[in-house]
Amino acid sequence: MISSLWGEIEPTASSSSSDKDEPACSATEDQNGTLETPSADTAGQSREIENEIPSVQDEGSSELSAMLWAVAESEAPVKSQQLGEPDLTMAQRRQVLLEQYRAKPLVFLERYRAYLQPEHLGPFAHLTTDCRAQHYCKEVRNRASSQANRTRVRNHRFAALRALQQEGQYFSEEQMRARDPLLYEQYIGQYLSDEELCQRVAAGQEQGAHSLAELLLHSYQEGLIQDRLQEQQDREEGATEEVEEEEVRWMRTQTMTIWIL
């Protein structure tokens, strides 16, 4: 009977062997001592978030790094600070921006879109389905396009200016006087000495000394310049008189108002 009882009892496994054979478990223990395993939905959401936002380890060699540097090097305020608090270093600004981006990328795009260029929009590709993100990205691209157009126009104007300086007489004293005689007289002509005026007349005669046609053409052009100068002077004097008359009428009105009161 005793042997049969001993035969019915199964020996228990030692603690050392159970530790070796027991597989690793990712379950966690709550306050009541109950083991809880993460659900499939929670794990899937975590994986989706990790896939959407670049990881911190890959940040140094990705488009995210270039975007963060662009904002960090700008004048954008990245963090509110108290009076007297030391300014953030570049590394601190970059770290703050990284945390803001990983927490709320859409808010990050909305806040710093004025400091971004089209090449910095790669880290926001996972937000393309959001209409607000589409609007902000379009704003960044349109601003860059406008800047490029303005730069192109300025380059064309500068090239035209250099061509006029090197190839023609557009900025010569004679040409400037012919284009706007009154402006030339106000800034240059009235300060010329008698000797310089004689030199200008002699230069004109020298140009017309080659042939009668050139002399007549020079005389005709000089007459046009003088007529235009007189017309501009009359217009300017008329405008000055109108301003003076308006001031006199205003003063009379003020005087009458004071007298009546």
Protein backbone atom coordinates (compact mmCIF):
# COMPACT_ATOMS: atom_id res chain seq x y z
CA MET A 1 0.00 0.00 0.00
CA ILE A 2 2.78 2.31 0.90
CA SER A 3 4.69 1.47 -2.25
CA SER A 4 1.62 2.07 -4.36
CA LEU A 5 1.10 5.48 -2.75
CA TRP A 6 4.67 6.39 -3.44
CA GLY A 7 4.25 5.21 -6.96
CA GLU A 8 1.21 7.43 -7.51
CA ILE A 9 3.02 10.65 -6.47
CA GLU A 10 4.93 12.30 -9.35
CA PRO A 11 8.23 13.93 -8.52
CA THR A 12 8.28 17.77 -8.83
CA ALA A 13 10.81 19.47 -11.11
CA SER A 14 13.59 21.41 -9.49
CA SER A 15 13.58 25.17 -9.60
CA SER A 16 16.89 25.28 -11.44
CA SER A 17 15.66 23.09 -14.29
CA SER A 18 12.41 25.07 -14.63
CA ASP A 19 14.37 28.32 -14.93
CA LYS A 20 16.44 26.89 -17.72
CA ASP A 21 13.53 25.47 -19.71
CA GLU A 22 11.11 28.37 -19.18
CA PRO A 23 10.79 30.56 -22.31
CA ALA A 24 11.16 34.34 -22.15
CA CYS A 25 7.86 36.10 -21.49
CA SER A 26 6.99 39.72 -22.32
CA ALA A 27 4.08 39.80 -19.87
CA THR A 28 4.06 42.46 -17.14
CA GLU A 29 2.77 42.20 -13.61
CA ASP A 30 0.21 44.69 -12.35
CA GLN A 31 -0.35 45.89 -8.77
CA ASN A 32 -2.54 42.87 -7.91
CA GLY A 33 0.11 40.43 -9.00
CA THR A 34 -1.76 39.42 -12.18
CA LEU A 35 0.27 39.02 -15.33
CA GLU A 36 -0.89 41.06 -18.31
CA THR A 37 0.28 40.59 -21.88
CA PRO A 38 0.09 43.42 -24.44
CA SER A 39 -2.83 43.11 -26.83
CA ALA A 40 -2.35 42.70 -30.54
CA ASP A 41 -4.03 46.05 -31.29
CA THR A 42 -1.70 47.98 -29.00
CA ALA A 43 1.37 46.31 -30.46
CA GLY A 44 0.16 47.03 -33.97
CA GLN A 45 -0.41 50.71 -33.21
CA SER A 46 3.08 51.01 -31.75
CA ARG A 47 4.58 49.46 -34.85
CA GLU A 48 2.60 51.84 -37.07
CA ILE A 49 3.82 54.89 -35.16
CA GLU A 50 7.41 53.68 -35.38
CA ASN A 51 7.03 53.17 -39.12
CA GLU A 52 5.46 56.60 -39.67
CA ILE A 53 7.99 58.77 -37.80
CA PRO A 54 11.74 58.32 -38.40
CA SER A 55 13.55 56.89 -35.42
CA VAL A 56 15.97 58.90 -33.31
CA GLN A 57 18.86 56.64 -34.28
CA ASP A 58 18.34 57.34 -38.00
CA GLU A 59 17.84 61.08 -37.50
CA GLY A 60 21.46 61.99 -38.01
CA SER A 61 21.61 60.80 -41.65
CA SER A 62 18.07 61.40 -42.88
CA GLU A 63 16.02 64.21 -44.35
CA LEU A 64 14.80 64.89 -40.84
CA SER A 65 18.29 65.99 -39.82
CA ALA A 66 18.50 68.56 -42.63
CA MET A 67 15.05 69.88 -41.77
CA LEU A 68 15.90 70.23 -38.08
CA TRP A 69 19.15 72.01 -38.85
CA ALA A 70 17.35 74.46 -41.14
CA VAL A 71 14.89 75.43 -38.42
CA ALA A 72 17.51 75.43 -35.64
CA GLU A 73 19.78 77.79 -37.57
CA SER A 74 16.92 80.18 -38.30
CA GLU A 75 15.59 82.91 -36.01
CA ALA A 76 12.53 80.87 -35.08
CA PRO A 77 11.75 80.80 -31.34
CA VAL A 78 11.65 77.13 -30.37
CA LYS A 79 11.05 77.42 -26.63
CA SER A 80 9.72 80.05 -24.24
CA GLN A 81 12.40 81.23 -21.81
CA GLN A 82 12.40 83.39 -18.70
CA LEU A 83 14.11 86.78 -18.56
CA GLY A 84 17.80 86.36 -17.86
CA GLU A 85 17.82 82.69 -18.83
CA PRO A 86 20.77 81.81 -21.08
CA ASP A 87 20.05 81.22 -24.75
CA LEU A 88 19.80 77.69 -25.99
CA THR A 89 22.79 76.22 -27.76
CA MET A 90 22.41 74.85 -31.26
CA ALA A 91 22.39 71.29 -29.93
CA GLN A 92 19.68 72.17 -27.40
CA ARG A 93 17.55 73.90 -30.03
CA ARG A 94 17.87 70.86 -32.28
CA GLN A 95 16.89 68.50 -29.47
CA VAL A 96 13.84 70.60 -28.57
CA LEU A 97 12.78 70.66 -32.22
CA LEU A 98 13.21 66.91 -32.51
CA GLU A 99 10.99 66.34 -29.48
CA GLN A 100 8.35 68.69 -30.85
CA TYR A 101 8.41 66.97 -34.23
CA ARG A 102 8.09 63.48 -32.79
CA ALA A 103 5.28 64.55 -30.45
CA LYS A 104 3.13 66.50 -32.97
CA PRO A 105 4.52 66.64 -36.52
CA LEU A 106 1.49 68.50 -37.91
CA VAL A 107 1.79 71.24 -35.27
CA PHE A 108 5.51 71.39 -36.03
CA LEU A 109 4.80 71.93 -39.73
CA GLU A 110 2.23 74.62 -38.97
CA ARG A 111 4.55 76.49 -36.59
CA TYR A 112 7.79 76.39 -38.58
CA ARG A 113 6.58 76.29 -42.19
CA ALA A 114 7.91 79.82 -42.80
CA TYR A 115 11.47 78.53 -42.23
CA LEU A 116 11.21 75.46 -44.47
CA GLN A 117 12.09 74.84 -48.10
CA PRO A 118 10.55 72.26 -50.45
CA GLU A 119 13.48 69.90 -49.86
CA HIS A 120 12.59 69.83 -46.14
CA LEU A 121 9.09 68.39 -46.63
CA GLY A 122 10.20 64.75 -46.78
CA PRO A 123 9.73 64.10 -43.01
CA PHE A 124 6.07 65.12 -43.39
CA ALA A 125 5.25 62.62 -46.14
CA HIS A 126 3.20 60.51 -43.74
CA LEU A 127 0.81 63.48 -43.31
CA THR A 128 -0.11 63.85 -46.99
CA THR A 129 -3.64 62.60 -46.37
CA ASP A 130 -4.32 65.52 -44.00
CA CYS A 131 -5.75 68.56 -45.79
CA ARG A 132 -4.01 70.94 -43.38
CA ALA A 133 -0.64 69.37 -44.10
CA GLN A 134 -1.33 69.63 -47.83
CA HIS A 135 -2.11 73.34 -47.43
CA TYR A 136 1.07 74.03 -45.44
CA CYS A 137 3.26 72.09 -47.89
CA LYS A 138 1.72 73.97 -50.81
CA GLU A 139 2.43 77.25 -49.03
CA VAL A 140 6.10 76.29 -48.64
CA ARG A 141 6.42 75.38 -52.32
CA ASN A 142 4.65 78.54 -53.52
CA ARG A 143 6.88 80.75 -51.39
CA ALA A 144 10.00 79.09 -52.75
CA SER A 145 8.72 79.48 -56.30
CA SER A 146 8.04 83.19 -55.76
CA GLN A 147 11.51 83.71 -54.34
CA ALA A 148 13.04 81.93 -57.32
CA ASN A 149 11.06 84.13 -59.74
CA ARG A 150 12.14 87.32 -57.97
CA THR A 151 15.76 86.19 -58.05
CA ARG A 152 15.48 85.42 -61.76
CA VAL A 153 14.03 88.88 -62.50
CA ARG A 154 16.76 90.61 -60.49
CA ASN A 155 19.42 88.61 -62.33
CA HIS A 156 17.95 89.64 -65.70
CA ARG A 157 17.87 93.29 -64.66
CA PHE A 158 21.44 93.16 -63.43
CA ALA A 159 22.58 91.55 -66.67
CA ALA A 160 20.80 94.25 -68.68
CA LEU A 161 22.42 96.94 -66.53
CA ARG A 162 25.89 95.50 -67.09
CA ALA A 163 25.23 95.32 -70.82
CA LEU A 164 24.20 98.99 -70.89
CA GLN A 165 27.30 99.95 -68.91
CA GLN A 166 29.70 98.04 -71.15
CA GLU A 167 28.16 98.29 -74.61
CA GLY A 168 26.32 101.60 -74.86
CA GLN A 169 26.22 105.26 -73.82
CA TYR A 170 23.04 104.92 -71.76
CA PHE A 171 24.68 106.29 -68.59
CA SER A 172 26.69 109.00 -70.31
CA GLU A 173 26.10 112.58 -69.26
CA GLU A 174 24.56 113.49 -72.64
CA GLN A 175 22.08 110.62 -72.54
CA MET A 176 21.01 111.35 -68.96
CA ARG A 177 20.49 115.02 -69.82
CA ALA A 178 18.40 114.08 -72.86
CA ARG A 179 16.18 111.69 -70.86
CA ASP A 180 15.35 114.09 -68.03
CA PRO A 181 16.67 117.64 -68.51
CA LEU A 182 15.11 119.01 -65.31
CA LEU A 183 16.50 116.25 -63.11
CA TYR A 184 19.93 116.70 -64.71
CA GLU A 185 19.77 120.46 -64.17
CA GLN A 186 18.77 120.09 -60.51
CA TYR A 187 21.49 117.58 -59.61
CA ILE A 188 24.32 118.37 -62.05
CA GLY A 189 23.73 121.29 -64.38
CA GLN A 190 23.32 124.03 -61.78
CA TYR A 191 26.65 123.10 -60.20
CA LEU A 192 28.69 123.30 -63.41
CA SER A 193 31.17 126.11 -63.69
CA ASP A 194 31.40 128.43 -66.68
CA GLU A 195 34.45 126.56 -67.90
CA GLU A 196 32.61 123.22 -67.79
CA LEU A 197 29.66 124.72 -69.65
CA CYS A 198 32.01 126.00 -72.35
CA GLN A 199 33.57 122.57 -72.62
CA ARG A 200 30.14 121.00 -73.11
CA VAL A 201 29.28 123.49 -75.87
CA ALA A 202 32.66 122.91 -77.53
CA ALA A 203 32.13 119.14 -77.38
CA GLY A 204 28.78 119.54 -79.12
CA GLN A 205 30.31 121.68 -81.83
CA GLU A 206 33.09 119.18 -82.27
CA GLN A 207 30.56 116.42 -82.84
CA GLY A 208 28.86 118.47 -85.55
CA ALA A 209 32.06 119.58 -87.17
CA HIS A 210 32.32 116.42 -89.29
CA SER A 211 29.37 117.22 -91.51
CA LEU A 212 26.49 119.66 -91.89
CA ALA A 213 23.97 116.90 -91.21
CA GLU A 214 25.53 116.09 -87.85
CA LEU A 215 25.58 119.76 -86.91
CA LEU A 216 21.91 120.17 -87.78
CA LEU A 217 21.01 116.99 -85.89
CA HIS A 218 22.88 118.16 -82.80
CA SER A 219 21.17 121.55 -82.94
CA TYR A 220 17.76 119.90 -83.31
CA GLN A 221 18.39 117.59 -80.36
CA GLU A 222 19.60 120.50 -78.22
CA GLY A 223 16.42 122.40 -79.07
CA LEU A 224 14.28 119.43 -78.01
CA ILE A 225 16.15 119.21 -74.71
CA GLN A 226 15.63 122.91 -74.02
CA ASP A 227 11.92 122.70 -74.87
CA ARG A 228 11.45 119.71 -72.61
CA LEU A 229 13.37 121.43 -69.82
CA GLN A 230 11.11 124.48 -70.07
CA GLU A 231 8.00 122.30 -70.06
CA GLN A 232 9.16 120.43 -66.94
CA GLN A 233 9.99 123.66 -65.16
CA ASP A 234 6.57 125.15 -65.95
CA ARG A 235 4.83 122.01 -64.71
CA GLU A 236 6.84 122.02 -61.49
CA GLU A 237 6.16 125.72 -60.87
CA GLY A 238 2.43 125.18 -61.47
CA ALA A 239 2.37 122.31 -58.99
CA THR A 240 4.19 124.46 -56.43
CA GLU A 241 1.71 127.30 -56.88
CA GLU A 242 -1.23 124.93 -56.41
CA VAL A 243 0.26 123.64 -53.18
CA GLU A 244 0.83 127.18 -51.93
CA GLU A 245 -2.72 128.22 -52.83
CA GLU A 246 -4.11 125.16 -51.06
CA GLU A 247 -2.12 126.04 -47.95
CA VAL A 248 -3.37 129.64 -48.04
CA ARG A 249 -7.00 128.47 -48.35
CA TRP A 250 -6.54 126.06 -45.46
CA MET A 251 -5.05 128.80 -43.27
CA ARG A 252 -7.93 131.15 -44.12
CA THR A 253 -10.44 128.45 -43.22
CA GLN A 254 -8.77 127.85 -39.89
CA THR A 255 -8.68 131.60 -39.18
CA MET A 256 -12.40 131.98 -39.96
CA THR A 257 -13.23 129.01 -37.75
CA ILE A 258 -11.28 130.46 -34.83
CA TRP A 259 -12.89 133.91 -35.35
CA ILE A 260 -16.41 132.42 -35.37
CA LEU A 261 -15.75 130.40 -32.22
